[in-house]
Amino acid sequence: MKRLFIISNRLPLQASKKNGKMELTPYSDGYDSGLKQFYESFDVKWIGRPGLNRDEISESEKINLDNNFRTNNCIAVYLIQSLKNEFLEGFCENTLWPLFNYFPQIAKYKHGEWETYKKVNRIYADIATRYIHEDDIIWIHDYHLMLLPKFIREKFSQV
């Protein structure tokens, strides 16, 4: 069965801490609406953020989460809170979202947020290229990761 890597801002499962215990719950963001039959024709792997930031969990919690994610065909991309904020609430929501949704008058650009956007896309590329092979199908979802195809191609051109 052909492998399909779906790489997105978020995983389809969300990690959270409740009463000191780690919990994985489905994260519904419309990825699965109407596509279930499509997904079933592939060996699907997801790469994305897990819902918790790296600086919110201990190393043992991270290892535990990674094992749980792996059993659900997910690979987590952990960011620290400040990096996530500049990436998501910064460049993605303040610059890209307004531009792509016909609100250029409210778009804001900060050079530091652009640099963070590039950095996060590179982090995703570094993680993704550990797992994907040249014959895999890669689906990069949404505007959060528009630089990722270029960064993945760069990695594979060196192989």
N, C-alpha and C. Protein backbone atom coordinates (compact mmCIF):
# COMPACT_ATOMS: atom_id res chain seq x y z
N MET A 1 0.85 -1.18 0.00
CA MET A 1 0.00 0.00 0.00
C MET A 1 0.89 1.24 0.00
N LYS A 2 0.57 2.17 -0.85
CA LYS A 2 1.33 3.42 -0.97
C LYS A 2 1.17 4.28 0.28
N ARG A 3 2.27 4.92 0.69
CA ARG A 3 2.21 5.78 1.87
C ARG A 3 1.85 7.20 1.49
N LEU A 4 0.98 7.79 2.30
CA LEU A 4 0.56 9.18 2.14
C LEU A 4 0.90 9.91 3.43
N PHE A 5 1.72 10.94 3.32
CA PHE A 5 2.04 11.79 4.48
C PHE A 5 1.21 13.05 4.37
N ILE A 6 0.39 13.29 5.37
CA ILE A 6 -0.36 14.53 5.45
C ILE A 6 0.38 15.40 6.46
N ILE A 7 0.87 16.53 6.00
CA ILE A 7 1.64 17.42 6.86
C ILE A 7 0.82 18.70 7.03
N SER A 8 0.51 19.00 8.27
CA SER A 8 -0.37 20.14 8.55
C SER A 8 0.06 20.85 9.82
N ASN A 9 -0.54 21.99 10.04
CA ASN A 9 -0.27 22.75 11.25
C ASN A 9 -0.56 21.91 12.49
N ARG A 10 -1.66 21.16 12.48
CA ARG A 10 -2.08 20.36 13.64
C ARG A 10 -2.24 18.90 13.25
N LEU A 11 -2.06 18.03 14.24
CA LEU A 11 -2.35 16.61 14.07
C LEU A 11 -3.85 16.38 14.23
N PRO A 12 -4.35 15.24 13.77
CA PRO A 12 -5.77 14.94 13.97
C PRO A 12 -6.09 14.55 15.42
N LEU A 13 -5.04 14.40 16.21
CA LEU A 13 -5.20 14.13 17.65
C LEU A 13 -4.56 15.28 18.41
N GLN A 14 -5.16 15.65 19.50
CA GLN A 14 -4.64 16.76 20.30
C GLN A 14 -4.23 16.25 21.67
N ALA A 15 -3.01 16.58 22.06
CA ALA A 15 -2.51 16.22 23.38
C ALA A 15 -2.88 17.33 24.36
N SER A 16 -3.29 16.92 25.53
CA SER A 16 -3.58 17.90 26.58
C SER A 16 -3.27 17.26 27.93
N LYS A 17 -3.09 18.12 28.93
CA LYS A 17 -2.85 17.67 30.30
C LYS A 17 -4.12 17.93 31.09
N LYS A 18 -4.63 16.88 31.71
CA LYS A 18 -5.81 17.04 32.58
C LYS A 18 -5.52 16.36 33.89
N ASN A 19 -5.55 17.14 34.96
CA ASN A 19 -5.26 16.62 36.30
C ASN A 19 -3.92 15.90 36.33
N GLY A 20 -2.94 16.47 35.65
CA GLY A 20 -1.59 15.91 35.66
C GLY A 20 -1.39 14.73 34.73
N LYS A 21 -2.43 14.29 34.03
CA LYS A 21 -2.32 13.15 33.11
C LYS A 21 -2.40 13.63 31.67
N MET A 22 -1.63 12.98 30.82
CA MET A 22 -1.66 13.27 29.40
C MET A 22 -2.83 12.56 28.75
N GLU A 23 -3.45 13.26 27.82
CA GLU A 23 -4.62 12.71 27.15
C GLU A 23 -4.57 13.07 25.67
N LEU A 24 -4.94 12.13 24.81
CA LEU A 24 -5.06 12.39 23.38
C LEU A 24 -6.54 12.35 23.01
N THR A 25 -7.00 13.39 22.35
CA THR A 25 -8.39 13.45 21.92
C THR A 25 -8.42 13.86 20.45
N PRO A 26 -9.43 13.44 19.71
CA PRO A 26 -9.52 13.84 18.30
C PRO A 26 -9.61 15.35 18.18
N TYR A 27 -8.88 15.88 17.22
CA TYR A 27 -8.91 17.31 16.93
C TYR A 27 -9.64 17.45 15.60
N SER A 28 -10.83 17.93 15.66
CA SER A 28 -11.64 18.04 14.45
C SER A 28 -11.40 19.39 13.80
N ASP A 29 -10.86 19.34 12.59
CA ASP A 29 -10.60 20.57 11.86
C ASP A 29 -11.06 20.44 10.41
N GLY A 30 -11.93 19.47 10.16
CA GLY A 30 -12.44 19.31 8.82
C GLY A 30 -11.55 18.50 7.89
N TYR A 31 -10.40 17.99 8.37
CA TYR A 31 -9.54 17.20 7.50
C TYR A 31 -10.24 15.94 7.02
N ASP A 32 -11.05 15.36 7.89
CA ASP A 32 -11.60 14.05 7.57
C ASP A 32 -12.98 14.09 6.92
N SER A 33 -13.58 15.24 6.82
CA SER A 33 -14.92 15.30 6.25
C SER A 33 -14.91 14.88 4.78
N GLY A 34 -15.58 13.79 4.49
CA GLY A 34 -15.71 13.32 3.13
C GLY A 34 -14.48 12.65 2.55
N LEU A 35 -13.41 12.56 3.29
CA LEU A 35 -12.18 11.98 2.75
C LEU A 35 -11.84 10.61 3.34
N LYS A 36 -12.68 10.09 4.21
CA LYS A 36 -12.39 8.82 4.88
C LYS A 36 -12.06 7.71 3.87
N GLN A 37 -12.87 7.58 2.85
CA GLN A 37 -12.65 6.52 1.86
C GLN A 37 -11.32 6.73 1.13
N PHE A 38 -10.99 7.98 0.85
CA PHE A 38 -9.72 8.30 0.21
C PHE A 38 -8.56 7.87 1.10
N TYR A 39 -8.61 8.25 2.38
CA TYR A 39 -7.54 7.91 3.31
C TYR A 39 -7.34 6.41 3.43
N GLU A 40 -8.43 5.67 3.39
CA GLU A 40 -8.35 4.22 3.58
C GLU A 40 -7.61 3.51 2.45
N SER A 41 -7.41 4.19 1.34
CA SER A 41 -6.69 3.56 0.23
C SER A 41 -5.17 3.77 0.32
N PHE A 42 -4.72 4.38 1.42
CA PHE A 42 -3.30 4.63 1.64
C PHE A 42 -2.90 4.24 3.06
N ASP A 43 -1.61 4.05 3.24
CA ASP A 43 -1.02 3.95 4.57
C ASP A 43 -0.72 5.38 4.99
N VAL A 44 -1.64 6.00 5.75
CA VAL A 44 -1.56 7.43 6.06
C VAL A 44 -0.74 7.68 7.32
N LYS A 45 0.15 8.64 7.21
CA LYS A 45 0.93 9.15 8.34
C LYS A 45 0.68 10.66 8.41
N TRP A 46 0.51 11.17 9.61
CA TRP A 46 0.27 12.60 9.82
C TRP A 46 1.48 13.22 10.50
N ILE A 47 1.85 14.40 10.07
CA ILE A 47 2.90 15.17 10.72
C ILE A 47 2.31 16.54 11.06
N GLY A 48 2.43 16.96 12.32
CA GLY A 48 1.90 18.25 12.72
C GLY A 48 2.12 18.53 14.19
N ARG A 49 1.65 19.69 14.62
CA ARG A 49 1.78 20.06 16.03
C ARG A 49 0.79 19.27 16.87
N PRO A 50 1.19 18.88 18.08
CA PRO A 50 0.36 18.01 18.91
C PRO A 50 -0.63 18.70 19.85
N GLY A 51 -0.61 20.02 19.91
CA GLY A 51 -1.52 20.72 20.83
C GLY A 51 -0.83 21.23 22.08
N LEU A 52 0.26 20.61 22.46
CA LEU A 52 1.08 21.10 23.58
C LEU A 52 2.42 21.56 23.03
N ASN A 53 2.96 22.57 23.64
CA ASN A 53 4.27 23.07 23.23
C ASN A 53 5.37 22.33 23.96
N ARG A 54 6.56 22.36 23.39
CA ARG A 54 7.70 21.63 23.96
C ARG A 54 8.02 22.10 25.38
N ASP A 55 7.84 23.38 25.65
CA ASP A 55 8.17 23.90 26.97
C ASP A 55 7.04 23.70 27.98
N GLU A 56 6.00 22.96 27.62
CA GLU A 56 4.89 22.65 28.53
C GLU A 56 4.95 21.21 29.04
N ILE A 57 5.91 20.43 28.53
CA ILE A 57 5.97 19.01 28.91
C ILE A 57 7.41 18.62 29.24
N SER A 58 7.51 17.60 30.06
CA SER A 58 8.84 17.07 30.42
C SER A 58 9.31 16.13 29.31
N GLU A 59 10.57 15.75 29.38
CA GLU A 59 11.13 14.83 28.40
C GLU A 59 10.41 13.48 28.45
N SER A 60 10.11 12.98 29.65
CA SER A 60 9.41 11.69 29.75
C SER A 60 7.98 11.79 29.22
N GLU A 61 7.32 12.92 29.43
CA GLU A 61 5.98 13.12 28.86
C GLU A 61 6.04 13.16 27.34
N LYS A 62 7.08 13.79 26.81
CA LYS A 62 7.25 13.85 25.35
C LYS A 62 7.45 12.46 24.78
N ILE A 63 8.29 11.67 25.40
CA ILE A 63 8.54 10.31 24.93
C ILE A 63 7.25 9.50 24.96
N ASN A 64 6.51 9.62 26.04
CA ASN A 64 5.23 8.93 26.17
C ASN A 64 4.25 9.36 25.09
N LEU A 65 4.15 10.68 24.89
CA LEU A 65 3.26 11.20 23.85
C LEU A 65 3.68 10.69 22.47
N ASP A 66 4.98 10.75 22.18
CA ASP A 66 5.46 10.30 20.88
C ASP A 66 5.09 8.84 20.63
N ASN A 67 5.21 8.00 21.65
CA ASN A 67 4.83 6.59 21.52
C ASN A 67 3.34 6.45 21.24
N ASN A 68 2.52 7.22 21.95
CA ASN A 68 1.08 7.18 21.72
C ASN A 68 0.72 7.71 20.34
N PHE A 69 1.36 8.79 19.93
CA PHE A 69 1.11 9.31 18.59
C PHE A 69 1.50 8.30 17.53
N ARG A 70 2.65 7.66 17.70
CA ARG A 70 3.13 6.68 16.72
C ARG A 70 2.14 5.55 16.51
N THR A 71 1.50 5.09 17.60
CA THR A 71 0.51 4.03 17.45
C THR A 71 -0.72 4.50 16.67
N ASN A 72 -0.88 5.80 16.54
CA ASN A 72 -1.98 6.39 15.77
C ASN A 72 -1.49 6.99 14.45
N ASN A 73 -0.32 6.55 13.99
CA ASN A 73 0.27 7.00 12.72
C ASN A 73 0.50 8.51 12.68
N CYS A 74 0.86 9.09 13.81
CA CYS A 74 1.11 10.52 13.89
C CYS A 74 2.56 10.79 14.33
N ILE A 75 3.10 11.85 13.79
CA ILE A 75 4.44 12.29 14.15
C ILE A 75 4.32 13.74 14.60
N ALA A 76 4.69 14.00 15.83
CA ALA A 76 4.51 15.33 16.41
C ALA A 76 5.68 16.26 16.10
N VAL A 77 5.34 17.51 15.84
CA VAL A 77 6.31 18.59 15.67
C VAL A 77 6.12 19.52 16.86
N TYR A 78 7.07 19.50 17.77
CA TYR A 78 6.97 20.31 18.98
C TYR A 78 7.66 21.66 18.78
N LEU A 79 6.97 22.71 19.12
CA LEU A 79 7.54 24.06 19.10
C LEU A 79 7.50 24.60 20.51
N ILE A 80 8.39 25.51 20.83
CA ILE A 80 8.26 26.21 22.11
C ILE A 80 7.19 27.29 21.94
N GLN A 81 6.60 27.70 23.04
CA GLN A 81 5.47 28.62 23.02
C GLN A 81 5.77 29.90 22.23
N SER A 82 6.92 30.52 22.47
CA SER A 82 7.22 31.79 21.80
C SER A 82 7.34 31.61 20.29
N LEU A 83 7.93 30.51 19.85
CA LEU A 83 8.06 30.23 18.42
C LEU A 83 6.68 29.99 17.81
N LYS A 84 5.85 29.21 18.50
CA LYS A 84 4.49 28.95 18.02
C LYS A 84 3.70 30.25 17.91
N ASN A 85 3.83 31.12 18.89
CA ASN A 85 3.09 32.39 18.87
C ASN A 85 3.49 33.26 17.69
N GLU A 86 4.79 33.42 17.45
CA GLU A 86 5.24 34.25 16.32
C GLU A 86 4.87 33.63 14.99
N PHE A 87 4.89 32.31 14.93
CA PHE A 87 4.52 31.60 13.71
C PHE A 87 3.02 31.66 13.46
N LEU A 88 2.24 31.21 14.43
CA LEU A 88 0.80 31.05 14.23
C LEU A 88 0.03 32.35 14.42
N GLU A 89 0.10 32.89 15.64
CA GLU A 89 -0.64 34.12 15.91
C GLU A 89 0.02 35.31 15.22
N GLY A 90 1.30 35.18 14.93
CA GLY A 90 2.02 36.24 14.25
C GLY A 90 1.83 36.19 12.75
N PHE A 91 2.77 35.57 12.05
CA PHE A 91 2.78 35.65 10.59
C PHE A 91 1.55 35.00 9.94
N CYS A 92 1.17 33.80 10.40
CA CYS A 92 0.04 33.12 9.76
C CYS A 92 -1.27 33.89 9.91
N GLU A 93 -1.57 34.31 11.13
CA GLU A 93 -2.87 34.96 11.36
C GLU A 93 -2.87 36.46 11.06
N ASN A 94 -1.73 37.12 11.23
CA ASN A 94 -1.69 38.57 11.00
C ASN A 94 -1.33 38.97 9.57
N THR A 95 -0.64 38.10 8.87
CA THR A 95 -0.21 38.43 7.51
C THR A 95 -0.91 37.55 6.48
N LEU A 96 -0.72 36.24 6.57
CA LEU A 96 -1.25 35.36 5.54
C LEU A 96 -2.77 35.26 5.53
N TRP A 97 -3.36 35.04 6.69
CA TRP A 97 -4.82 34.86 6.72
C TRP A 97 -5.55 36.06 6.12
N PRO A 98 -5.23 37.29 6.52
CA PRO A 98 -5.93 38.42 5.91
C PRO A 98 -5.72 38.51 4.38
N LEU A 99 -4.50 38.24 3.93
CA LEU A 99 -4.22 38.32 2.49
C LEU A 99 -5.00 37.27 1.71
N PHE A 100 -5.08 36.07 2.24
CA PHE A 100 -5.76 34.97 1.53
C PHE A 100 -7.27 35.00 1.70
N ASN A 101 -7.77 35.85 2.54
CA ASN A 101 -9.21 35.93 2.75
C ASN A 101 -9.77 37.31 2.39
N TYR A 102 -9.06 37.99 1.49
CA TYR A 102 -9.53 39.25 0.92
C TYR A 102 -9.65 40.39 1.92
N PHE A 103 -8.75 40.43 2.90
CA PHE A 103 -8.70 41.52 3.85
C PHE A 103 -7.30 42.13 3.89
N PRO A 104 -6.76 42.53 2.74
CA PRO A 104 -5.39 43.06 2.75
C PRO A 104 -5.24 44.31 3.61
N GLN A 105 -6.32 45.03 3.83
CA GLN A 105 -6.24 46.26 4.61
C GLN A 105 -5.92 46.00 6.08
N ILE A 106 -6.16 44.78 6.57
CA ILE A 106 -5.83 44.49 7.97
C ILE A 106 -4.57 43.64 8.12
N ALA A 107 -3.95 43.28 7.00
CA ALA A 107 -2.72 42.47 7.05
C ALA A 107 -1.60 43.30 7.67
N LYS A 108 -0.83 42.64 8.54
CA LYS A 108 0.33 43.28 9.17
C LYS A 108 1.56 42.42 8.88
N TYR A 109 2.65 43.07 8.58
CA TYR A 109 3.89 42.36 8.31
C TYR A 109 4.95 42.80 9.30
N LYS A 110 5.58 41.79 9.92
CA LYS A 110 6.75 42.03 10.77
C LYS A 110 7.85 41.10 10.29
N HIS A 111 8.99 41.68 10.02
CA HIS A 111 10.10 40.89 9.48
C HIS A 111 10.47 39.71 10.40
N GLY A 112 10.47 39.94 11.70
CA GLY A 112 10.81 38.87 12.65
C GLY A 112 9.84 37.70 12.57
N GLU A 113 8.56 37.99 12.34
CA GLU A 113 7.56 36.92 12.21
C GLU A 113 7.77 36.14 10.92
N TRP A 114 8.19 36.83 9.85
CA TRP A 114 8.52 36.15 8.60
C TRP A 114 9.70 35.20 8.82
N GLU A 115 10.71 35.65 9.55
CA GLU A 115 11.87 34.80 9.84
C GLU A 115 11.43 33.57 10.65
N THR A 116 10.52 33.76 11.60
CA THR A 116 10.00 32.65 12.39
C THR A 116 9.21 31.69 11.51
N TYR A 117 8.42 32.22 10.60
CA TYR A 117 7.65 31.39 9.66
C TYR A 117 8.61 30.48 8.87
N LYS A 118 9.69 31.06 8.36
CA LYS A 118 10.67 30.26 7.64
C LYS A 118 11.30 29.21 8.55
N LYS A 119 11.63 29.60 9.77
CA LYS A 119 12.26 28.68 10.72
C LYS A 119 11.34 27.49 11.03
N VAL A 120 10.06 27.75 11.27
CA VAL A 120 9.12 26.67 11.58
C VAL A 120 8.94 25.76 10.37
N ASN A 121 8.87 26.31 9.18
CA ASN A 121 8.77 25.48 7.99
C ASN A 121 10.01 24.59 7.84
N ARG A 122 11.17 25.12 8.21
CA ARG A 122 12.40 24.30 8.18
C ARG A 122 12.36 23.19 9.24
N ILE A 123 11.82 23.50 10.40
CA ILE A 123 11.67 22.47 11.46
C ILE A 123 10.79 21.33 10.94
N TYR A 124 9.68 21.68 10.33
CA TYR A 124 8.81 20.67 9.73
C TYR A 124 9.56 19.85 8.69
N ALA A 125 10.33 20.52 7.84
CA ALA A 125 11.08 19.82 6.79
C ALA A 125 12.09 18.86 7.40
N ASP A 126 12.78 19.30 8.44
CA ASP A 126 13.77 18.42 9.09
C ASP A 126 13.11 17.17 9.64
N ILE A 127 11.95 17.32 10.25
CA ILE A 127 11.24 16.16 10.81
C ILE A 127 10.67 15.29 9.69
N ALA A 128 10.00 15.91 8.72
CA ALA A 128 9.37 15.14 7.64
C ALA A 128 10.38 14.31 6.87
N THR A 129 11.53 14.88 6.57
CA THR A 129 12.50 14.17 5.74
C THR A 129 13.17 13.01 6.49
N ARG A 130 12.97 12.92 7.78
CA ARG A 130 13.44 11.73 8.52
C ARG A 130 12.58 10.51 8.20
N TYR A 131 11.35 10.75 7.78
CA TYR A 131 10.38 9.67 7.62
C TYR A 131 9.97 9.39 6.17
N ILE A 132 9.90 10.42 5.35
CA ILE A 132 9.40 10.22 4.00
C ILE A 132 10.49 9.69 3.08
N HIS A 133 10.03 8.98 2.06
CA HIS A 133 10.91 8.48 1.01
C HIS A 133 10.48 9.14 -0.30
N GLU A 134 11.35 9.08 -1.28
CA GLU A 134 11.07 9.77 -2.54
C GLU A 134 9.81 9.28 -3.23
N ASP A 135 9.39 8.05 -3.02
CA ASP A 135 8.19 7.54 -3.70
C ASP A 135 6.91 7.72 -2.89
N ASP A 136 6.98 8.34 -1.72
CA ASP A 136 5.79 8.61 -0.92
C ASP A 136 5.00 9.78 -1.52
N ILE A 137 3.72 9.79 -1.24
CA ILE A 137 2.87 10.93 -1.62
C ILE A 137 2.83 11.87 -0.42
N ILE A 138 3.00 13.15 -0.69
CA ILE A 138 3.03 14.14 0.39
C ILE A 138 1.93 15.16 0.13
N TRP A 139 1.08 15.33 1.12
CA TRP A 139 -0.02 16.30 1.06
C TRP A 139 0.30 17.36 2.12
N ILE A 140 0.60 18.54 1.69
CA ILE A 140 0.88 19.63 2.63
C ILE A 140 -0.36 20.50 2.70
N HIS A 141 -0.91 20.56 3.90
CA HIS A 141 -2.21 21.18 4.09
C HIS A 141 -2.11 22.62 4.59
N ASP A 142 -2.67 23.53 3.83
CA ASP A 142 -2.95 24.91 4.22
C ASP A 142 -1.73 25.83 4.13
N TYR A 143 -1.97 27.08 4.41
CA TYR A 143 -0.99 28.15 4.20
C TYR A 143 0.08 28.22 5.28
N HIS A 144 -0.07 27.48 6.34
CA HIS A 144 0.93 27.51 7.41
C HIS A 144 2.28 26.99 6.94
N LEU A 145 2.26 26.16 5.92
CA LEU A 145 3.48 25.46 5.51
C LEU A 145 3.78 25.64 4.03
N MET A 146 3.62 26.83 3.53
CA MET A 146 3.81 27.07 2.09
C MET A 146 5.27 26.95 1.65
N LEU A 147 6.20 27.08 2.56
CA LEU A 147 7.62 26.95 2.19
C LEU A 147 8.09 25.50 2.26
N LEU A 148 7.30 24.65 2.87
CA LEU A 148 7.70 23.26 3.11
C LEU A 148 8.03 22.48 1.84
N PRO A 149 7.25 22.58 0.76
CA PRO A 149 7.63 21.82 -0.45
C PRO A 149 9.05 22.13 -0.92
N LYS A 150 9.40 23.39 -0.92
CA LYS A 150 10.75 23.79 -1.35
C LYS A 150 11.81 23.18 -0.43
N PHE A 151 11.58 23.25 0.88
CA PHE A 151 12.56 22.73 1.83
C PHE A 151 12.69 21.21 1.74
N ILE A 152 11.59 20.52 1.48
CA ILE A 152 11.66 19.06 1.31
C ILE A 152 12.42 18.73 0.03
N ARG A 153 12.14 19.44 -1.06
CA ARG A 153 12.86 19.21 -2.31
C ARG A 153 14.36 19.42 -2.12
N GLU A 154 14.73 20.46 -1.39
CA GLU A 154 16.15 20.72 -1.14
C GLU A 154 16.80 19.54 -0.43
N LYS A 155 16.12 18.97 0.55
CA LYS A 155 16.67 17.85 1.31
C LYS A 155 16.86 16.63 0.40
N PHE A 156 15.87 16.37 -0.46
CA PHE A 156 15.93 15.19 -1.32
C PHE A 156 16.91 15.37 -2.48
N SER A 157 17.17 16.58 -2.86
CA SER A 157 18.13 16.80 -3.96
C SER A 157 19.55 16.48 -3.50
N GLN A 158 19.76 16.44 -2.18
CA GLN A 158 21.08 16.15 -1.64
C GLN A 158 21.31 14.66 -1.41
N VAL A 159 20.27 13.85 -1.60
CA VAL A 159 20.38 12.40 -1.38
C VAL A 159 20.93 11.73 -2.59
